[in-house]
Amino acid sequence: MKDFRRLVITLVIGSFSIAALLGIIALLGGGDLGETEGRVLLTTVIVGAESIAVLCYLAVAGKRAALVGLAGGLVSLVPFSVALWFTWSESDSQPLWDVFGVSVTIAATIAQACLLLAVDRGRRAALLAATLVAMGIVAAMISNAIVNGENLDDLYWRSFGVVAILDVLGTVVFAALGIFKQRGKAEGEPDLMTPALESRVLDAARSRGVSPTQLITDALDNFLR
């Protein structure tokens, strides 16, 4: 998994570096910025956005939620490809715009979820679950609005606003609690277990039908014999 993550990061950095170089050349090449230069710059933005999304998906690499990151990476290829198609072609298909809007909404939602799943959960699993549910509802309502925006009434948008606020609130609170916990460890509390190691311990304890504390105790007893 580490080798795969290193490979993906290398590809992301390499591809965006090339796109950035082309963008700089387009800006410093002299003369007026024409249609081709504009497309090159827009391609740089698209590749940069995709690179940021991929880094978000990699946040859960090696964890139990790794499949979520993989799904996000696959979904993000759809808006990435459609955006490049619109940039370099003369197409202006409304169905394709709908596909782009829905897929970019789903990809962004999964990226947000990966960032939360990468945070040490501790005893905040209920808050995480509630926030993920709110995120899913927001994504579904945005997608529905993209496809059926003309048929939505005022109540729909009021409900959307409420769920969106809960989504943001849960994200901010969950992230803040995770940051303060990590800061507390850095300022004196010993960090004995990384999130990846904690995930392995929880999985092993669940498979053996014992508590994580009992699993660690038994492992230490066997090791120290």
Protein backbone atom coordinates (compact mmCIF):
# COMPACT_ATOMS: atom_id res chain seq x y z
CA MET A 1 0.00 0.00 0.00
CA LYS A 2 2.88 2.38 0.75
CA ASP A 3 4.38 1.70 -2.68
CA PHE A 4 1.00 2.33 -4.33
CA ARG A 5 0.52 5.56 -2.41
CA ARG A 6 4.04 6.69 -3.31
CA LEU A 7 3.36 5.91 -6.98
CA VAL A 8 0.10 7.85 -7.01
CA ILE A 9 1.67 10.85 -5.27
CA THR A 10 4.53 10.80 -7.78
CA LEU A 11 2.08 10.72 -10.69
CA VAL A 12 -0.01 13.52 -9.17
CA ILE A 13 3.01 15.75 -8.58
CA GLY A 14 4.48 14.94 -11.99
CA SER A 15 1.26 15.55 -13.94
CA PHE A 16 0.49 18.81 -12.17
CA SER A 17 4.10 19.98 -12.57
CA ILE A 18 3.84 19.45 -16.33
CA ALA A 19 0.46 21.22 -16.45
CA ALA A 20 1.83 24.08 -14.35
CA LEU A 21 4.86 24.40 -16.64
CA LEU A 22 2.62 24.60 -19.69
CA GLY A 23 0.52 27.25 -17.95
CA ILE A 24 3.58 29.33 -17.14
CA ILE A 25 4.81 29.04 -20.72
CA ALA A 26 1.39 30.18 -21.97
CA LEU A 27 1.49 33.22 -19.67
CA LEU A 28 5.09 34.21 -20.39
CA GLY A 29 5.16 33.30 -24.06
CA GLY A 30 4.49 36.86 -25.13
CA GLY A 31 1.72 38.24 -27.29
CA ASP A 32 -1.98 38.24 -26.60
CA LEU A 33 -3.62 35.38 -24.74
CA GLY A 34 -5.54 33.53 -27.40
CA GLU A 35 -7.98 30.65 -27.30
CA THR A 36 -5.25 28.00 -27.14
CA GLU A 37 -3.47 29.73 -24.25
CA GLY A 38 -6.76 30.03 -22.39
CA ARG A 39 -7.42 26.33 -22.83
CA VAL A 40 -3.93 25.51 -21.56
CA LEU A 41 -4.49 27.61 -18.45
CA LEU A 42 -7.90 26.04 -17.85
CA THR A 43 -6.35 22.60 -18.23
CA THR A 44 -3.81 23.55 -15.55
CA VAL A 45 -6.65 24.46 -13.20
CA ILE A 46 -8.48 21.19 -13.95
CA VAL A 47 -5.38 19.08 -13.36
CA GLY A 48 -4.67 21.01 -10.15
CA ALA A 49 -8.19 20.41 -8.85
CA GLU A 50 -7.94 16.71 -9.65
CA SER A 51 -4.54 16.55 -7.92
CA ILE A 52 -5.97 18.07 -4.74
CA ALA A 53 -8.88 15.62 -4.84
CA VAL A 54 -6.54 12.65 -5.23
CA LEU A 55 -4.49 13.78 -2.24
CA CYS A 56 -7.71 13.88 -0.21
CA TYR A 57 -8.54 10.32 -1.28
CA LEU A 58 -5.04 9.17 -0.31
CA ALA A 59 -5.66 10.38 3.25
CA VAL A 60 -7.37 7.06 4.00
CA ALA A 61 -4.85 4.84 2.21
CA GLY A 62 -3.88 1.90 4.40
CA LYS A 63 -6.94 2.35 6.65
CA ARG A 64 -10.26 0.54 6.87
CA ALA A 65 -11.83 3.31 4.77
CA ALA A 66 -9.34 2.81 1.93
CA LEU A 67 -12.12 1.61 -0.38
CA VAL A 68 -13.86 4.96 0.09
CA GLY A 69 -10.76 6.71 -1.21
CA LEU A 70 -10.51 4.29 -4.12
CA ALA A 71 -14.16 4.94 -5.01
CA GLY A 72 -13.54 8.67 -4.85
CA GLY A 73 -10.58 8.38 -7.18
CA LEU A 74 -12.63 6.47 -9.73
CA VAL A 75 -15.58 8.85 -9.51
CA SER A 76 -13.33 11.90 -9.87
CA LEU A 77 -12.16 10.65 -13.26
CA VAL A 78 -15.63 11.39 -14.63
CA PRO A 79 -15.73 15.18 -14.00
CA PHE A 80 -12.01 15.37 -14.81
CA SER A 81 -12.56 13.79 -18.22
CA VAL A 82 -15.71 15.80 -18.95
CA ALA A 83 -13.99 19.06 -17.97
CA LEU A 84 -11.09 18.31 -20.33
CA TRP A 85 -13.56 17.40 -23.07
CA PHE A 86 -15.41 20.71 -22.72
CA THR A 87 -12.10 22.59 -22.62
CA TRP A 88 -10.66 21.17 -25.81
CA SER A 89 -13.81 20.56 -27.88
CA GLU A 90 -16.66 22.65 -29.17
CA SER A 91 -19.26 20.50 -27.39
CA ASP A 92 -21.90 22.17 -25.24
CA SER A 93 -24.13 19.20 -24.42
CA GLN A 94 -26.57 19.80 -21.58
CA PRO A 95 -26.65 16.11 -20.58
CA LEU A 96 -22.86 16.21 -20.28
CA TRP A 97 -23.10 19.30 -18.10
CA ASP A 98 -25.52 17.40 -15.87
CA VAL A 99 -23.09 14.48 -15.68
CA PHE A 100 -20.28 16.86 -14.82
CA GLY A 101 -22.29 18.61 -12.09
CA VAL A 102 -23.49 15.40 -10.45
CA SER A 103 -20.12 13.64 -10.65
CA VAL A 104 -18.13 16.60 -9.32
CA THR A 105 -20.60 16.86 -6.43
CA ILE A 106 -20.14 13.20 -5.55
CA ALA A 107 -16.36 13.38 -5.96
CA ALA A 108 -16.10 16.46 -3.72
CA THR A 109 -18.32 14.83 -1.09
CA ILE A 110 -16.16 11.71 -1.02
CA ALA A 111 -13.03 13.87 -0.73
CA GLN A 112 -14.56 15.63 2.28
CA ALA A 113 -15.51 12.28 3.78
CA CYS A 114 -11.97 10.96 3.33
CA LEU A 115 -10.51 13.90 5.21
CA LEU A 116 -12.85 13.24 8.12
CA LEU A 117 -12.26 9.49 8.06
CA ALA A 118 -8.52 10.12 8.21
CA VAL A 119 -8.88 11.95 11.54
CA ASP A 120 -8.47 9.86 14.69
CA ARG A 121 -12.09 9.18 15.66
CA GLY A 122 -11.64 8.25 19.32
CA ARG A 123 -15.09 8.36 20.90
CA ARG A 124 -16.59 10.60 18.23
CA ALA A 125 -17.94 7.85 15.97
CA ALA A 126 -21.53 9.05 16.43
CA LEU A 127 -20.62 12.59 15.37
CA LEU A 128 -18.73 11.23 12.37
CA ALA A 129 -21.67 9.05 11.33
CA ALA A 130 -24.14 11.95 11.65
CA THR A 131 -21.88 14.23 9.63
CA LEU A 132 -21.44 11.64 6.90
CA VAL A 133 -25.22 11.21 6.69
CA ALA A 134 -25.66 14.98 6.36
CA MET A 135 -22.98 15.07 3.67
CA GLY A 136 -24.75 12.32 1.74
CA ILE A 137 -28.08 14.14 1.92
CA VAL A 138 -26.49 17.41 0.76
CA ALA A 139 -24.83 15.65 -2.19
CA ALA A 140 -28.10 13.94 -3.14
CA MET A 141 -30.06 17.20 -2.95
CA ILE A 142 -27.48 19.08 -5.03
CA SER A 143 -27.47 16.31 -7.63
CA ASN A 144 -31.26 16.36 -7.77
CA ALA A 145 -31.22 20.13 -8.15
CA ILE A 146 -28.79 19.86 -11.08
CA VAL A 147 -31.08 17.44 -12.89
CA ASN A 148 -34.50 18.74 -11.77
CA GLY A 149 -33.75 22.28 -10.66
CA GLU A 150 -36.84 23.80 -12.28
CA ASN A 151 -39.25 21.59 -10.33
CA LEU A 152 -38.04 22.40 -6.81
CA ASP A 153 -40.02 24.59 -4.44
CA ASP A 154 -39.05 26.88 -1.58
CA LEU A 155 -39.42 24.15 1.04
CA TYR A 156 -36.82 22.07 -0.78
CA TRP A 157 -34.22 24.80 -0.59
CA ARG A 158 -35.02 25.60 3.02
CA SER A 159 -34.54 21.94 3.91
CA PHE A 160 -31.33 21.89 1.91
CA GLY A 161 -30.06 24.91 3.85
CA VAL A 162 -30.73 23.22 7.18
CA VAL A 163 -28.94 20.00 6.21
CA ALA A 164 -26.04 21.95 4.68
CA ILE A 165 -25.59 23.89 7.92
CA LEU A 166 -25.56 20.65 9.90
CA ASP A 167 -23.03 19.25 7.44
CA VAL A 168 -20.68 22.22 7.90
CA LEU A 169 -21.20 22.25 11.67
CA GLY A 170 -20.41 18.56 12.02
CA THR A 171 -17.35 18.88 9.80
CA VAL A 172 -15.96 21.86 11.74
CA VAL A 173 -16.61 20.32 15.17
CA PHE A 174 -15.21 16.91 14.22
CA ALA A 175 -12.09 18.38 12.63
CA ALA A 176 -11.53 20.78 15.54
CA LEU A 177 -11.81 18.01 18.12
CA GLY A 178 -9.34 15.92 16.15
CA ILE A 179 -6.88 18.81 15.87
CA PHE A 180 -7.06 19.64 19.58
CA LYS A 181 -6.58 15.99 20.48
CA GLN A 182 -3.47 15.78 18.31
CA ARG A 183 -2.19 19.03 19.79
CA GLY A 184 -2.73 17.66 23.28
CA LYS A 185 -0.62 14.66 22.41
CA ALA A 186 2.10 16.87 20.97
CA GLU A 187 2.21 19.00 24.13
CA GLY A 188 2.72 16.17 26.57
CA GLU A 189 0.44 13.20 26.07
CA PRO A 190 2.48 10.32 24.64
CA ASP A 191 1.32 9.24 21.19
CA LEU A 192 1.58 5.50 21.65
CA MET A 193 -0.61 4.48 18.74
CA THR A 194 -0.95 5.91 15.27
CA PRO A 195 -4.38 5.92 13.56
CA ALA A 196 -3.23 3.12 11.24
CA LEU A 197 -2.06 0.98 14.17
CA GLU A 198 -5.25 1.68 16.08
CA SER A 199 -7.25 0.52 13.07
CA ARG A 200 -5.29 -2.75 12.97
CA VAL A 201 -5.81 -3.30 16.70
CA LEU A 202 -9.56 -2.69 16.42
CA ASP A 203 -9.88 -5.07 13.46
CA ALA A 204 -7.87 -7.79 15.24
CA ALA A 205 -9.86 -7.38 18.46
CA ARG A 206 -13.15 -7.57 16.59
CA SER A 207 -12.12 -10.70 14.70
CA ARG A 208 -11.12 -12.42 17.98
CA GLY A 209 -14.16 -11.26 19.91
CA VAL A 210 -12.18 -9.45 22.62
CA SER A 211 -11.73 -5.84 23.64
CA PRO A 212 -8.79 -3.85 22.24
CA THR A 213 -7.37 -3.53 25.76
CA GLN A 214 -7.52 -7.29 26.28
CA LEU A 215 -5.93 -7.90 22.89
CA ILE A 216 -2.99 -5.60 23.67
CA THR A 217 -2.60 -7.07 27.16
CA ASP A 218 -2.50 -10.64 25.82
CA ALA A 219 -0.05 -9.63 23.09
CA LEU A 220 2.27 -8.00 25.62
CA ASP A 221 2.06 -10.99 27.95
CA ASN A 222 2.98 -13.35 25.12
CA PHE A 223 5.80 -11.08 23.94
CA LEU A 224 7.35 -10.63 27.39
CA ARG A 225 7.36 -14.32 28.28
